[in-house]
């Protein structure tokens, strides 16, 4: 007896979960790129000297990125386009 016995599947649906995961992974990688390369200006080392301040600096980077992305979404909604069509570099 196979695992999928009794489950109705539409043709071509086998790869749908994998495509969804690949899309999510791509979005995460793009966000890391935006923060690491564009937002911090290739700065590889955090300036903070204590663990608590490192956490604070990371939160500041994440919140700044979120705020920029939120503004980009609002702008995209205003003109009726997908936020992915907007340039992160030209947004801040």
N, C-alpha and C. Protein backbone atom coordinates (compact mmCIF):
# COMPACT_ATOMS: atom_id res chain seq x y z
N UNK A 1 0.85 -1.18 0.00
CA UNK A 1 0.00 0.00 0.00
C UNK A 1 0.89 1.24 0.00
N UNK A 2 0.59 2.18 -0.83
CA UNK A 2 1.43 3.38 -0.92
C UNK A 2 0.95 4.44 0.06
N UNK A 3 1.82 5.36 0.32
CA UNK A 3 1.49 6.45 1.27
C UNK A 3 0.32 7.30 0.81
N UNK A 4 0.27 7.57 -0.47
CA UNK A 4 -0.72 8.49 -0.99
C UNK A 4 -2.05 7.84 -1.32
N UNK A 5 -2.24 6.59 -0.96
CA UNK A 5 -3.48 5.90 -1.28
C UNK A 5 -4.66 6.62 -0.65
N UNK A 6 -5.65 6.85 -1.45
CA UNK A 6 -6.85 7.49 -0.94
C UNK A 6 -6.84 9.01 -1.05
N UNK A 7 -5.71 9.58 -1.41
CA UNK A 7 -5.65 11.04 -1.55
C UNK A 7 -5.78 11.41 -3.02
N UNK A 8 -6.72 12.25 -3.31
CA UNK A 8 -6.88 12.72 -4.68
C UNK A 8 -5.93 13.88 -4.92
N UNK A 9 -5.19 13.79 -6.00
CA UNK A 9 -4.24 14.86 -6.34
C UNK A 9 -4.51 15.33 -7.75
N UNK A 10 -4.43 16.61 -7.94
CA UNK A 10 -4.59 17.14 -9.28
C UNK A 10 -3.27 17.01 -10.03
N UNK A 11 -3.33 16.81 -11.33
CA UNK A 11 -2.09 16.69 -12.10
C UNK A 11 -1.23 17.95 -11.97
N UNK A 12 0.05 17.75 -11.79
CA UNK A 12 0.96 18.89 -11.70
C UNK A 12 1.08 19.48 -10.31
N UNK A 13 0.37 18.93 -9.33
CA UNK A 13 0.42 19.52 -7.99
C UNK A 13 1.57 19.00 -7.15
N UNK A 14 2.31 18.00 -7.66
CA UNK A 14 3.38 17.39 -6.88
C UNK A 14 4.45 18.40 -6.49
N UNK A 15 4.78 19.33 -7.37
CA UNK A 15 5.86 20.28 -7.11
C UNK A 15 5.42 21.57 -6.45
N UNK A 16 4.12 21.73 -6.20
CA UNK A 16 3.62 22.99 -5.64
C UNK A 16 4.23 23.32 -4.29
N UNK A 17 4.29 22.40 -3.32
CA UNK A 17 4.91 22.75 -2.03
C UNK A 17 6.39 23.12 -2.17
N UNK A 18 7.10 22.41 -3.05
CA UNK A 18 8.52 22.71 -3.26
C UNK A 18 8.69 24.09 -3.86
N UNK A 19 7.84 24.46 -4.81
CA UNK A 19 7.92 25.80 -5.42
C UNK A 19 7.62 26.87 -4.39
N UNK A 20 6.66 26.59 -3.50
CA UNK A 20 6.30 27.55 -2.46
C UNK A 20 7.48 27.77 -1.51
N UNK A 21 8.13 26.67 -1.11
CA UNK A 21 9.31 26.77 -0.24
C UNK A 21 10.45 27.49 -0.94
N UNK A 22 10.64 27.21 -2.22
CA UNK A 22 11.71 27.87 -2.97
C UNK A 22 11.44 29.37 -3.06
N UNK A 23 10.19 29.75 -3.24
CA UNK A 23 9.85 31.17 -3.28
C UNK A 23 10.08 31.85 -1.95
N UNK A 24 9.74 31.17 -0.86
CA UNK A 24 9.96 31.73 0.47
C UNK A 24 11.45 31.86 0.76
N UNK A 25 12.21 30.85 0.35
CA UNK A 25 13.67 30.89 0.55
C UNK A 25 14.27 32.05 -0.23
N UNK A 26 13.80 32.27 -1.44
CA UNK A 26 14.31 33.38 -2.26
C UNK A 26 14.01 34.71 -1.59
N UNK A 27 12.81 34.87 -1.04
CA UNK A 27 12.45 36.12 -0.36
C UNK A 27 13.36 36.36 0.85
N UNK A 28 13.65 35.31 1.60
CA UNK A 28 14.54 35.44 2.76
C UNK A 28 15.93 35.85 2.31
N UNK A 29 16.44 35.20 1.26
CA UNK A 29 17.77 35.52 0.75
C UNK A 29 17.84 36.96 0.25
N UNK A 30 16.78 37.42 -0.42
CA UNK A 30 16.76 38.81 -0.88
C UNK A 30 16.75 39.78 0.29
N UNK A 31 16.02 39.46 1.33
CA UNK A 31 16.00 40.32 2.52
C UNK A 31 17.37 40.39 3.17
N UNK A 32 18.03 39.24 3.30
CA UNK A 32 19.38 39.25 3.85
C UNK A 32 20.32 40.09 2.99
N UNK A 33 20.19 39.97 1.67
CA UNK A 33 21.02 40.76 0.75
C UNK A 33 20.76 42.25 0.94
N UNK A 34 19.50 42.62 1.03
CA UNK A 34 19.16 44.04 1.21
C UNK A 34 19.75 44.59 2.49
N UNK A 35 19.68 43.83 3.56
CA UNK A 35 20.21 44.29 4.85
C UNK A 35 21.73 44.28 4.82
N UNK A 36 22.31 43.15 4.42
CA UNK A 36 23.76 42.96 4.51
C UNK A 36 24.54 43.83 3.53
N UNK A 37 24.10 43.91 2.31
CA UNK A 37 24.86 44.62 1.28
C UNK A 37 24.43 46.07 1.15
N UNK A 38 23.14 46.31 1.02
CA UNK A 38 22.67 47.65 0.70
C UNK A 38 22.43 48.53 1.92
N UNK A 39 21.82 47.97 2.95
CA UNK A 39 21.46 48.78 4.11
C UNK A 39 22.68 49.08 4.99
N UNK A 40 23.58 48.12 5.16
CA UNK A 40 24.74 48.35 6.02
C UNK A 40 25.97 48.80 5.26
N UNK A 41 25.89 48.87 3.94
CA UNK A 41 27.01 49.34 3.14
C UNK A 41 28.23 48.44 3.21
N UNK A 42 28.04 47.15 3.09
CA UNK A 42 29.11 46.15 3.09
C UNK A 42 29.85 46.07 4.42
N UNK A 43 29.33 46.67 5.46
CA UNK A 43 29.96 46.61 6.78
C UNK A 43 29.79 45.19 7.32
N UNK A 44 30.88 44.49 7.54
CA UNK A 44 30.83 43.10 7.95
C UNK A 44 30.76 42.91 9.46
N UNK A 45 31.22 43.87 10.21
CA UNK A 45 31.30 43.72 11.66
C UNK A 45 30.35 44.72 12.32
N UNK A 46 29.59 44.24 13.27
CA UNK A 46 28.74 45.14 14.04
C UNK A 46 29.63 45.98 14.95
N UNK A 47 29.23 47.21 15.18
CA UNK A 47 30.06 48.13 15.96
C UNK A 47 29.95 47.91 17.46
N UNK A 48 28.89 47.31 17.89
CA UNK A 48 28.64 47.14 19.33
C UNK A 48 29.69 46.25 19.97
N UNK A 49 29.96 46.52 21.24
CA UNK A 49 31.02 45.79 21.96
C UNK A 49 30.49 44.80 23.00
N UNK A 50 29.21 44.85 23.30
CA UNK A 50 28.65 43.92 24.28
C UNK A 50 27.52 43.13 23.64
N UNK A 51 27.24 41.92 24.13
CA UNK A 51 26.16 41.12 23.56
C UNK A 51 24.82 41.84 23.54
N UNK A 52 24.52 42.57 24.60
CA UNK A 52 23.24 43.29 24.67
C UNK A 52 23.15 44.35 23.58
N UNK A 53 24.24 45.07 23.35
CA UNK A 53 24.23 46.11 22.31
C UNK A 53 24.24 45.50 20.91
N UNK A 54 24.84 44.32 20.75
CA UNK A 54 24.78 43.62 19.46
C UNK A 54 23.33 43.28 19.14
N UNK A 55 22.60 42.76 20.13
CA UNK A 55 21.17 42.47 19.94
C UNK A 55 20.41 43.73 19.55
N UNK A 56 20.71 44.82 20.23
CA UNK A 56 20.04 46.08 19.94
C UNK A 56 20.34 46.54 18.51
N UNK A 57 21.58 46.40 18.08
CA UNK A 57 21.96 46.81 16.73
C UNK A 57 21.28 45.94 15.67
N UNK A 58 21.20 44.64 15.92
CA UNK A 58 20.52 43.74 14.98
C UNK A 58 19.04 44.08 14.90
N UNK A 59 18.39 44.32 16.05
CA UNK A 59 16.98 44.71 16.04
C UNK A 59 16.79 46.01 15.27
N UNK A 60 17.70 46.95 15.43
CA UNK A 60 17.59 48.22 14.70
C UNK A 60 17.67 47.99 13.20
N UNK A 61 18.59 47.12 12.76
CA UNK A 61 18.70 46.81 11.33
C UNK A 61 17.42 46.16 10.82
N UNK A 62 16.89 45.19 11.57
CA UNK A 62 15.68 44.49 11.14
C UNK A 62 14.47 45.42 11.10
N UNK A 63 14.32 46.26 12.12
CA UNK A 63 13.18 47.18 12.15
C UNK A 63 13.27 48.24 11.06
N UNK A 64 14.48 48.71 10.78
CA UNK A 64 14.66 49.68 9.69
C UNK A 64 14.30 49.04 8.36
N UNK A 65 14.75 47.81 8.15
CA UNK A 65 14.43 47.10 6.91
C UNK A 65 12.92 46.91 6.79
N UNK A 66 12.28 46.51 7.89
CA UNK A 66 10.83 46.32 7.88
C UNK A 66 10.11 47.64 7.55
N UNK A 67 10.56 48.73 8.14
CA UNK A 67 9.92 50.03 7.90
C UNK A 67 10.05 50.43 6.43
N UNK A 68 11.23 50.23 5.85
CA UNK A 68 11.42 50.56 4.44
C UNK A 68 10.52 49.70 3.58
N UNK A 69 10.47 48.40 3.86
CA UNK A 69 9.62 47.49 3.09
C UNK A 69 8.14 47.84 3.25
N UNK A 70 7.73 48.27 4.42
CA UNK A 70 6.33 48.66 4.65
C UNK A 70 5.99 49.90 3.81
N UNK A 71 6.88 50.86 3.78
CA UNK A 71 6.67 52.06 2.96
C UNK A 71 6.62 51.68 1.48
N UNK A 72 7.49 50.75 1.07
CA UNK A 72 7.48 50.29 -0.32
C UNK A 72 6.14 49.62 -0.66
N UNK A 73 5.59 48.84 0.27
CA UNK A 73 4.30 48.19 0.03
C UNK A 73 3.19 49.23 -0.12
N UNK A 74 3.20 50.24 0.75
CA UNK A 74 2.20 51.30 0.65
C UNK A 74 2.31 52.04 -0.68
N UNK A 75 3.54 52.32 -1.10
CA UNK A 75 3.75 53.00 -2.38
C UNK A 75 3.28 52.13 -3.54
N UNK A 76 3.57 50.84 -3.49
CA UNK A 76 3.14 49.93 -4.55
C UNK A 76 1.62 49.83 -4.60
N UNK A 77 0.98 49.78 -3.44
CA UNK A 77 -0.48 49.74 -3.40
C UNK A 77 -1.09 51.00 -4.01
N UNK A 78 -0.44 52.14 -3.76
CA UNK A 78 -0.94 53.42 -4.28
C UNK A 78 -0.95 53.44 -5.80
N UNK A 79 0.10 52.90 -6.42
CA UNK A 79 0.18 52.91 -7.88
C UNK A 79 -0.32 51.62 -8.51
N UNK A 80 -0.72 50.65 -7.68
CA UNK A 80 -1.29 49.41 -8.20
C UNK A 80 -0.29 48.46 -8.80
N UNK A 81 0.86 48.30 -8.17
CA UNK A 81 1.87 47.36 -8.66
C UNK A 81 2.33 46.44 -7.53
N UNK A 82 3.08 45.46 -7.88
CA UNK A 82 3.64 44.52 -6.90
C UNK A 82 4.85 45.17 -6.21
N UNK A 83 4.96 45.10 -4.89
CA UNK A 83 6.11 45.69 -4.19
C UNK A 83 7.45 45.14 -4.66
N UNK A 84 7.46 43.91 -5.19
CA UNK A 84 8.70 43.33 -5.69
C UNK A 84 9.21 44.04 -6.94
N UNK A 85 8.34 44.82 -7.58
CA UNK A 85 8.76 45.58 -8.75
C UNK A 85 9.50 46.86 -8.38
N UNK A 86 9.49 47.23 -7.11
CA UNK A 86 10.16 48.45 -6.67
C UNK A 86 11.59 48.15 -6.26
N UNK A 87 12.46 49.13 -6.41
CA UNK A 87 13.86 48.96 -6.06
C UNK A 87 14.10 49.32 -4.60
N UNK A 88 14.71 48.40 -3.86
CA UNK A 88 15.05 48.67 -2.47
C UNK A 88 16.07 49.81 -2.40
N UNK A 89 17.03 49.80 -3.31
CA UNK A 89 18.10 50.81 -3.31
C UNK A 89 17.55 52.23 -3.49
N UNK A 90 16.51 52.38 -4.25
CA UNK A 90 15.95 53.72 -4.51
C UNK A 90 14.90 54.12 -3.49
N UNK A 91 14.65 53.25 -2.52
CA UNK A 91 13.57 53.50 -1.56
C UNK A 91 14.00 54.18 -0.28
N UNK A 92 15.29 54.24 -0.02
CA UNK A 92 15.71 54.87 1.23
C UNK A 92 16.70 55.97 1.00
